[in-house]
Amino acid sequence: MTGQVRTVDGRVAGRRGQATRQKLLDCLGEMLSSSPYRDVKVIDVARKAGTSPATFYQYFPDVEGAVLELAEEMAKEGAGLTELVSGRSWVGKAAWQTSEELVDGFLDFWRRHDAILRVVDLGAAEGDKRFYKIRMKILNSVTNSLTDAVKELQAKGKVDKEVSAAAMAGSLVAMLASVAGHQKGFTTWGVKQAELKPNLALLVHLGITGKKPVR
């Protein structure tokens, strides 16, 4: 962890306190993977971390507050997804590689953070602005980079100027997020990961370039 970590009452936590706080967050993350968000209780998180509810309340006001901390940490990592797009080529064979790597990165990120992303999606869907902002923080960086990519291709005459760059980019990112969050469901339709990835990459490539990929 970087920077100062403070307790609920504003005191700066020492190294031992920071380790305890992180252990509570780690245990909460594990519990969210196997239990519905609203079934998770402070006493259960504290017990799993080998400490007491009183200690939990030193660092978090409640379970929701701790979940938001986990979500913020995840969002910081999610902002790095833009590196899969920013400054990358969308011409020729390189465009296909960019499409594939974007799809791989999205699916991998969602798999690794599936539990907390489900909570974020639930909170956002229920109108909680805190969760909505976190969700948009993850998606905005990629959307903005894809928007810039479409505009750059339009400036070079490679994409029709009637295409709305922002609408196209937003639609593709929303599609990626939806599919990434439904990966387990695809198996019930008989769709394998090996089939899902190239088809998603094809849709991304067609959306950004307007052309079939050169492989």
C-alpha atoms as a PDB file:
ATOM      1  CA  MET A   1       0.000   0.000   0.000  1.00  0.00           C
ATOM      2  CA  THR A   2       1.174   3.517  -0.701  1.00  0.00           C
ATOM      3  CA  GLY A   3       0.514   6.666   1.286  1.00  0.00           C
ATOM      4  CA  GLN A   4      -0.816   6.982   4.783  1.00  0.00           C
ATOM      5  CA  VAL A   5      -3.560   4.646   5.952  1.00  0.00           C
ATOM      6  CA  ARG A   6      -5.858   6.151   8.542  1.00  0.00           C
ATOM      7  CA  THR A   7      -8.296   4.669  11.008  1.00  0.00           C
ATOM      8  CA  VAL A   8     -11.938   5.720  11.092  1.00  0.00           C
ATOM      9  CA  ASP A   9     -11.156   8.336  13.757  1.00  0.00           C
ATOM     10  CA  GLY A  10      -8.361   9.853  11.674  1.00  0.00           C
ATOM     11  CA  ARG A  11      -5.279   8.350  13.305  1.00  0.00           C
ATOM     12  CA  VAL A  12      -2.439   7.207  11.050  1.00  0.00           C
ATOM     13  CA  ALA A  13      -2.151   3.431  11.166  1.00  0.00           C
ATOM     14  CA  GLY A  14       1.273   1.941  11.834  1.00  0.00           C
ATOM     15  CA  ARG A  15       2.789  -0.916   9.884  1.00  0.00           C
ATOM     16  CA  ARG A  16       1.035  -3.497  12.022  1.00  0.00           C
ATOM     17  CA  GLY A  17      -2.282  -1.687  11.698  1.00  0.00           C
ATOM     18  CA  GLN A  18      -1.901  -1.468   7.938  1.00  0.00           C
ATOM     19  CA  ALA A  19      -1.249  -5.200   7.756  1.00  0.00           C
ATOM     20  CA  THR A  20      -4.359  -5.891   9.842  1.00  0.00           C
ATOM     21  CA  ARG A  21      -6.452  -3.606   7.635  1.00  0.00           C
ATOM     22  CA  GLN A  22      -5.199  -5.313   4.481  1.00  0.00           C
ATOM     23  CA  LYS A  23      -5.899  -8.747   5.943  1.00  0.00           C
ATOM     24  CA  LEU A  24      -9.479  -7.685   6.668  1.00  0.00           C
ATOM     25  CA  LEU A  25      -9.858  -6.540   3.051  1.00  0.00           C
ATOM     26  CA  ASP A  26      -8.333  -9.765   1.720  1.00  0.00           C
ATOM     27  CA  CYS A  27     -10.677 -11.876   3.836  1.00  0.00           C
ATOM     28  CA  LEU A  28     -13.666  -9.807   2.751  1.00  0.00           C
ATOM     29  CA  GLY A  29     -12.672 -10.305  -0.885  1.00  0.00           C
ATOM     30  CA  GLU A  30     -12.519 -14.069  -0.376  1.00  0.00           C
ATOM     31  CA  MET A  31     -15.932 -14.096   1.298  1.00  0.00           C
ATOM     32  CA  LEU A  32     -17.524 -12.122  -1.528  1.00  0.00           C
ATOM     33  CA  SER A  33     -16.431 -14.895  -3.882  1.00  0.00           C
ATOM     34  CA  SER A  34     -18.611 -17.426  -2.089  1.00  0.00           C
ATOM     35  CA  SER A  35     -21.325 -15.429  -0.294  1.00  0.00           C
ATOM     36  CA  PRO A  36     -23.942 -12.882  -1.403  1.00  0.00           C
ATOM     37  CA  TYR A  37     -22.757  -9.350  -0.593  1.00  0.00           C
ATOM     38  CA  ARG A  38     -25.573  -8.593   1.845  1.00  0.00           C
ATOM     39  CA  ASP A  39     -25.037 -11.842   3.746  1.00  0.00           C
ATOM     40  CA  VAL A  40     -21.490 -10.864   4.736  1.00  0.00           C
ATOM     41  CA  LYS A  41     -21.323  -9.665   8.357  1.00  0.00           C
ATOM     42  CA  VAL A  42     -18.610  -7.758  10.199  1.00  0.00           C
ATOM     43  CA  ILE A  43     -18.232 -10.508  12.786  1.00  0.00           C
ATOM     44  CA  ASP A  44     -17.638 -13.107  10.058  1.00  0.00           C
ATOM     45  CA  VAL A  45     -14.986 -10.999   8.317  1.00  0.00           C
ATOM     46  CA  ALA A  46     -13.252 -10.319  11.634  1.00  0.00           C
ATOM     47  CA  ARG A  47     -13.335 -13.977  12.630  1.00  0.00           C
ATOM     48  CA  LYS A  48     -11.870 -15.048   9.282  1.00  0.00           C
ATOM     49  CA  ALA A  49      -9.086 -12.481   9.704  1.00  0.00           C
ATOM     50  CA  GLY A  50      -8.369 -13.704  13.220  1.00  0.00           C
ATOM     51  CA  THR A  51      -9.353 -10.450  14.889  1.00  0.00           C
ATOM     52  CA  SER A  52     -12.392  -8.810  16.481  1.00  0.00           C
ATOM     53  CA  PRO A  53     -15.308  -6.706  15.230  1.00  0.00           C
ATOM     54  CA  ALA A  54     -13.926  -3.827  17.301  1.00  0.00           C
ATOM     55  CA  THR A  55     -10.723  -3.966  15.268  1.00  0.00           C
ATOM     56  CA  PHE A  56     -12.714  -4.038  12.017  1.00  0.00           C
ATOM     57  CA  TYR A  57     -14.534  -0.858  13.067  1.00  0.00           C
ATOM     58  CA  GLN A  58     -11.216   0.868  13.664  1.00  0.00           C
ATOM     59  CA  TYR A  59     -10.634   0.821   9.897  1.00  0.00           C
ATOM     60  CA  PHE A  60     -14.074   0.681   8.295  1.00  0.00           C
ATOM     61  CA  PRO A  61     -17.490   2.088   9.259  1.00  0.00           C
ATOM     62  CA  ASP A  62     -19.256  -1.074   8.040  1.00  0.00           C
ATOM     63  CA  VAL A  63     -19.021  -3.869   5.469  1.00  0.00           C
ATOM     64  CA  GLU A  64     -20.149  -1.551   2.688  1.00  0.00           C
ATOM     65  CA  GLY A  65     -17.341   0.867   3.529  1.00  0.00           C
ATOM     66  CA  ALA A  66     -14.808  -1.948   3.270  1.00  0.00           C
ATOM     67  CA  VAL A  67     -16.340  -3.116  -0.020  1.00  0.00           C
ATOM     68  CA  LEU A  68     -15.931   0.397  -1.405  1.00  0.00           C
ATOM     69  CA  GLU A  69     -12.258   0.308  -0.428  1.00  0.00           C
ATOM     70  CA  LEU A  70     -11.833  -2.956  -2.345  1.00  0.00           C
ATOM     71  CA  ALA A  71     -13.689  -1.487  -5.296  1.00  0.00           C
ATOM     72  CA  GLU A  72     -11.510   1.633  -5.352  1.00  0.00           C
ATOM     73  CA  GLU A  73      -8.344  -0.483  -5.344  1.00  0.00           C
ATOM     74  CA  MET A  74      -9.743  -2.542  -8.215  1.00  0.00           C
ATOM     75  CA  ALA A  75     -10.698   0.603 -10.155  1.00  0.00           C
ATOM     76  CA  LYS A  76      -7.128   1.879  -9.978  1.00  0.00           C
ATOM     77  CA  GLU A  77      -5.956  -1.314 -11.626  1.00  0.00           C
ATOM     78  CA  GLY A  78      -8.832  -1.167 -14.109  1.00  0.00           C
ATOM     79  CA  ALA A  79      -7.746   2.266 -15.277  1.00  0.00           C
ATOM     80  CA  GLY A  80      -4.652   0.529 -16.626  1.00  0.00           C
ATOM     81  CA  LEU A  81      -6.793  -1.237 -19.229  1.00  0.00           C
ATOM     82  CA  THR A  82      -6.380   1.869 -21.366  1.00  0.00           C
ATOM     83  CA  GLU A  83      -2.774   0.776 -22.002  1.00  0.00           C
ATOM     84  CA  LEU A  84      -4.227  -1.989 -24.177  1.00  0.00           C
ATOM     85  CA  VAL A  85      -5.574   0.683 -26.530  1.00  0.00           C
ATOM     86  CA  SER A  86      -3.774   4.000 -26.064  1.00  0.00           C
ATOM     87  CA  GLY A  87      -1.156   4.614 -28.734  1.00  0.00           C
ATOM     88  CA  ARG A  88      -1.778   1.252 -30.413  1.00  0.00           C
ATOM     89  CA  SER A  89      -2.112   0.808 -34.154  1.00  0.00           C
ATOM     90  CA  TRP A  90      -5.490   0.115 -35.770  1.00  0.00           C
ATOM     91  CA  VAL A  91      -4.113  -0.434 -39.260  1.00  0.00           C
ATOM     92  CA  GLY A  92      -3.358  -3.728 -41.007  1.00  0.00           C
ATOM     93  CA  LYS A  93      -2.294  -6.789 -39.022  1.00  0.00           C
ATOM     94  CA  ALA A  94      -1.505  -4.639 -35.977  1.00  0.00           C
ATOM     95  CA  ALA A  95      -5.206  -3.753 -35.672  1.00  0.00           C
ATOM     96  CA  TRP A  96      -6.110  -7.417 -35.254  1.00  0.00           C
ATOM     97  CA  GLN A  97      -3.444  -7.858 -32.584  1.00  0.00           C
ATOM     98  CA  THR A  98      -4.725  -4.774 -30.737  1.00  0.00           C
ATOM     99  CA  SER A  99      -8.278  -6.146 -30.868  1.00  0.00           C
ATOM    100  CA  GLU A 100      -7.194  -9.524 -29.517  1.00  0.00           C
ATOM    101  CA  GLU A 101      -5.144  -8.043 -26.685  1.00  0.00           C
ATOM    102  CA  LEU A 102      -7.969  -5.707 -25.667  1.00  0.00           C
ATOM    103  CA  VAL A 103     -10.393  -8.636 -25.476  1.00  0.00           C
ATOM    104  CA  ASP A 104      -7.887 -10.775 -23.554  1.00  0.00           C
ATOM    105  CA  GLY A 105      -7.230  -7.952 -21.094  1.00  0.00           C
ATOM    106  CA  PHE A 106     -10.916  -7.270 -20.487  1.00  0.00           C
ATOM    107  CA  LEU A 107     -11.853 -10.915 -19.950  1.00  0.00           C
ATOM    108  CA  ASP A 108      -8.866 -11.515 -17.667  1.00  0.00           C
ATOM    109  CA  PHE A 109      -9.568  -8.420 -15.552  1.00  0.00           C
ATOM    110  CA  TRP A 110     -13.224  -9.432 -15.066  1.00  0.00           C
ATOM    111  CA  ARG A 111     -12.284 -12.999 -14.152  1.00  0.00           C
ATOM    112  CA  ARG A 112      -9.791 -11.865 -11.523  1.00  0.00           C
ATOM    113  CA  HIS A 113     -12.189  -9.345  -9.973  1.00  0.00           C
ATOM    114  CA  ASP A 114     -15.478 -11.118 -10.626  1.00  0.00           C
ATOM    115  CA  ALA A 115     -16.740 -11.001  -7.033  1.00  0.00           C
ATOM    116  CA  ILE A 116     -16.206  -7.296  -6.381  1.00  0.00           C
ATOM    117  CA  LEU A 117     -17.368  -6.348  -9.886  1.00  0.00           C
ATOM    118  CA  ARG A 118     -20.673  -8.114  -9.231  1.00  0.00           C
ATOM    119  CA  VAL A 119     -21.131  -5.973  -6.119  1.00  0.00           C
ATOM    120  CA  VAL A 120     -20.191  -2.815  -8.026  1.00  0.00           C
ATOM    121  CA  ASP A 121     -22.672  -3.653 -10.802  1.00  0.00           C
ATOM    122  CA  LEU A 122     -25.407  -4.349  -8.252  1.00  0.00           C
ATOM    123  CA  GLY A 123     -24.800  -1.082  -6.418  1.00  0.00           C
ATOM    124  CA  ALA A 124     -24.669   0.899  -9.665  1.00  0.00           C
ATOM    125  CA  ALA A 125     -27.894  -0.738 -10.909  1.00  0.00           C
ATOM    126  CA  GLU A 126     -29.610   0.208  -7.639  1.00  0.00           C
ATOM    127  CA  GLY A 127     -28.634   3.836  -8.122  1.00  0.00           C
ATOM    128  CA  ASP A 128     -25.747   4.079  -5.658  1.00  0.00           C
ATOM    129  CA  LYS A 129     -23.648   6.886  -7.121  1.00  0.00           C
ATOM    130  CA  ARG A 130     -20.488   5.702  -5.346  1.00  0.00           C
ATOM    131  CA  PHE A 131     -20.564   2.351  -7.108  1.00  0.00           C
ATOM    132  CA  TYR A 132     -21.634   3.975 -10.378  1.00  0.00           C
ATOM    133  CA  LYS A 133     -18.598   6.287 -10.315  1.00  0.00           C
ATOM    134  CA  ILE A 134     -16.282   3.346  -9.682  1.00  0.00           C
ATOM    135  CA  ARG A 135     -17.769   1.400 -12.593  1.00  0.00           C
ATOM    136  CA  MET A 136     -17.416   4.390 -14.906  1.00  0.00           C
ATOM    137  CA  LYS A 137     -13.842   4.993 -13.753  1.00  0.00           C
ATOM    138  CA  ILE A 138     -12.958   1.521 -15.042  1.00  0.00           C
ATOM    139  CA  LEU A 139     -14.791   1.888 -18.339  1.00  0.00           C
ATOM    140  CA  ASN A 140     -14.098   5.541 -19.164  1.00  0.00           C
ATOM    141  CA  SER A 141     -10.374   5.216 -19.761  1.00  0.00           C
ATOM    142  CA  VAL A 142     -10.854   2.503 -22.385  1.00  0.00           C
ATOM    143  CA  THR A 143     -13.844   4.286 -23.936  1.00  0.00           C
ATOM    144  CA  ASN A 144     -11.892   7.529 -24.284  1.00  0.00           C
ATOM    145  CA  SER A 145      -8.912   5.758 -25.862  1.00  0.00           C
ATOM    146  CA  LEU A 146     -11.134   3.911 -28.350  1.00  0.00           C
ATOM    147  CA  THR A 147     -12.920   7.175 -29.178  1.00  0.00           C
ATOM    148  CA  ASP A 148      -9.563   8.758 -29.973  1.00  0.00           C
ATOM    149  CA  ALA A 149      -8.655   5.757 -32.136  1.00  0.00           C
ATOM    150  CA  VAL A 150     -11.813   6.118 -34.248  1.00  0.00           C
ATOM    151  CA  LYS A 151     -11.305   9.880 -34.609  1.00  0.00           C
ATOM    152  CA  GLU A 152      -7.713   9.337 -35.722  1.00  0.00           C
ATOM    153  CA  LEU A 153      -8.845   6.858 -38.381  1.00  0.00           C
ATOM    154  CA  GLN A 154     -11.529   9.307 -39.498  1.00  0.00           C
ATOM    155  CA  ALA A 155      -8.945  12.078 -39.822  1.00  0.00           C
ATOM    156  CA  LYS A 156      -6.930   9.805 -42.115  1.00  0.00           C
ATOM    157  CA  GLY A 157      -9.993   8.983 -44.212  1.00  0.00           C
ATOM    158  CA  LYS A 158     -10.033   5.334 -43.127  1.00  0.00           C
ATOM    159  CA  VAL A 159     -13.393   5.463 -41.291  1.00  0.00           C
ATOM    160  CA  ASP A 160     -16.612   7.159 -42.425  1.00  0.00           C
ATOM    161  CA  LYS A 161     -16.988  10.566 -40.768  1.00  0.00           C
ATOM    162  CA  GLU A 162     -20.694   9.848 -40.189  1.00  0.00           C
ATOM    163  CA  VAL A 163     -19.692   7.297 -37.542  1.00  0.00           C
ATOM    164  CA  SER A 164     -19.998   8.720 -34.024  1.00  0.00           C
ATOM    165  CA  ALA A 165     -16.638   7.892 -32.466  1.00  0.00           C
ATOM    166  CA  ALA A 166     -17.926   8.184 -28.901  1.00  0.00           C
ATOM    167  CA  ALA A 167     -21.049   6.128 -29.598  1.00  0.00           C
ATOM    168  CA  MET A 168     -19.064   3.384 -31.293  1.00  0.00           C
ATOM    169  CA  ALA A 169     -16.429   3.269 -28.546  1.00  0.00           C
ATOM    170  CA  GLY A 170     -19.030   3.321 -25.774  1.00  0.00           C
ATOM    171  CA  SER A 171     -21.042   0.552 -27.407  1.00  0.00           C
ATOM    172  CA  LEU A 172     -17.977  -1.674 -27.790  1.00  0.00           C
ATOM    173  CA  VAL A 173     -16.852  -1.139 -24.191  1.00  0.00           C
ATOM    174  CA  ALA A 174     -20.367  -1.809 -22.871  1.00  0.00           C
ATOM    175  CA  MET A 175     -20.422  -5.011 -24.932  1.00  0.00           C
ATOM    176  CA  LEU A 176     -17.031  -6.110 -23.604  1.00  0.00           C
ATOM    177  CA  ALA A 177     -18.044  -5.416 -19.999  1.00  0.00           C
ATOM    178  CA  SER A 178     -21.315  -7.291 -20.404  1.00  0.00           C
ATOM    179  CA  VAL A 179     -19.726 -10.314 -22.045  1.00  0.00           C
ATOM    180  CA  ALA A 180     -16.825 -10.318 -19.563  1.00  0.00           C
ATOM    181  CA  GLY A 181     -19.297 -10.417 -16.699  1.00  0.00           C
ATOM    182  CA  HIS A 182     -21.207 -13.285 -18.299  1.00  0.00           C
ATOM    183  CA  GLN A 183     -18.299 -15.587 -19.150  1.00  0.00           C
ATOM    184  CA  LYS A 184     -19.599 -18.507 -17.100  1.00  0.00           C
ATOM    185  CA  GLY A 185     -22.960 -18.216 -18.811  1.00  0.00           C
ATOM    186  CA  PHE A 186     -21.456 -18.776 -22.227  1.00  0.00           C
ATOM    187  CA  THR A 187     -20.427 -22.287 -21.244  1.00  0.00           C
ATOM    188  CA  THR A 188     -24.109 -23.177 -20.750  1.00  0.00           C
ATOM    189  CA  TRP A 189     -24.636 -22.220 -24.401  1.00  0.00           C
ATOM    190  CA  GLY A 190     -21.799 -24.508 -25.424  1.00  0.00           C
ATOM    191  CA  VAL A 191     -19.466 -21.601 -26.210  1.00  0.00           C
ATOM    192  CA  LYS A 192     -15.827 -22.200 -25.291  1.00  0.00           C
ATOM    193  CA  GLN A 193     -13.349 -19.458 -24.332  1.00  0.00           C
ATOM    194  CA  ALA A 194     -11.310 -20.367 -27.397  1.00  0.00           C
ATOM    195  CA  GLU A 195     -14.363 -19.515 -29.528  1.00  0.00           C
ATOM    196  CA  LEU A 196     -15.477 -16.469 -27.560  1.00  0.00           C
ATOM    197  CA  LYS A 197     -12.231 -14.472 -27.732  1.00  0.00           C
ATOM    198  CA  PRO A 198     -11.711 -14.344 -31.522  1.00  0.00           C
ATOM    199  CA  ASN A 199     -15.364 -13.548 -32.156  1.00  0.00           C
ATOM    200  CA  LEU A 200     -15.278 -10.687 -29.672  1.00  0.00           C
ATOM    201  CA  ALA A 201     -12.042  -9.452 -31.213  1.00  0.00           C
ATOM    202  CA  LEU A 202     -13.710  -9.563 -34.637  1.00  0.00           C
ATOM    203  CA  LEU A 203     -16.566  -7.365 -33.413  1.00  0.00           C
ATOM    204  CA  VAL A 204     -14.121  -4.894 -31.874  1.00  0.00           C
ATOM    205  CA  HIS A 205     -12.052  -4.770 -35.065  1.00  0.00           C
ATOM    206  CA  LEU A 206     -15.112  -4.255 -37.276  1.00  0.00           C
ATOM    207  CA  GLY A 207     -16.442  -1.564 -34.937  1.00  0.00           C
ATOM    208  CA  ILE A 208     -13.250   0.469 -34.823  1.00  0.00           C
ATOM    209  CA  THR A 209     -11.934   0.045 -38.385  1.00  0.00           C
ATOM    210  CA  GLY A 210     -15.101  -0.785 -40.309  1.00  0.00           C
ATOM    211  CA  LYS A 211     -13.127  -3.529 -42.064  1.00  0.00           C
ATOM    212  CA  LYS A 212     -12.502  -7.254 -41.829  1.00  0.00           C
ATOM    213  CA  PRO A 213      -9.206  -7.992 -40.082  1.00  0.00           C
ATOM    214  CA  VAL A 214      -5.967  -8.779 -41.876  1.00  0.00           C
ATOM    215  CA  ARG A 215      -4.440 -11.772 -40.080  1.00  0.00           C
END
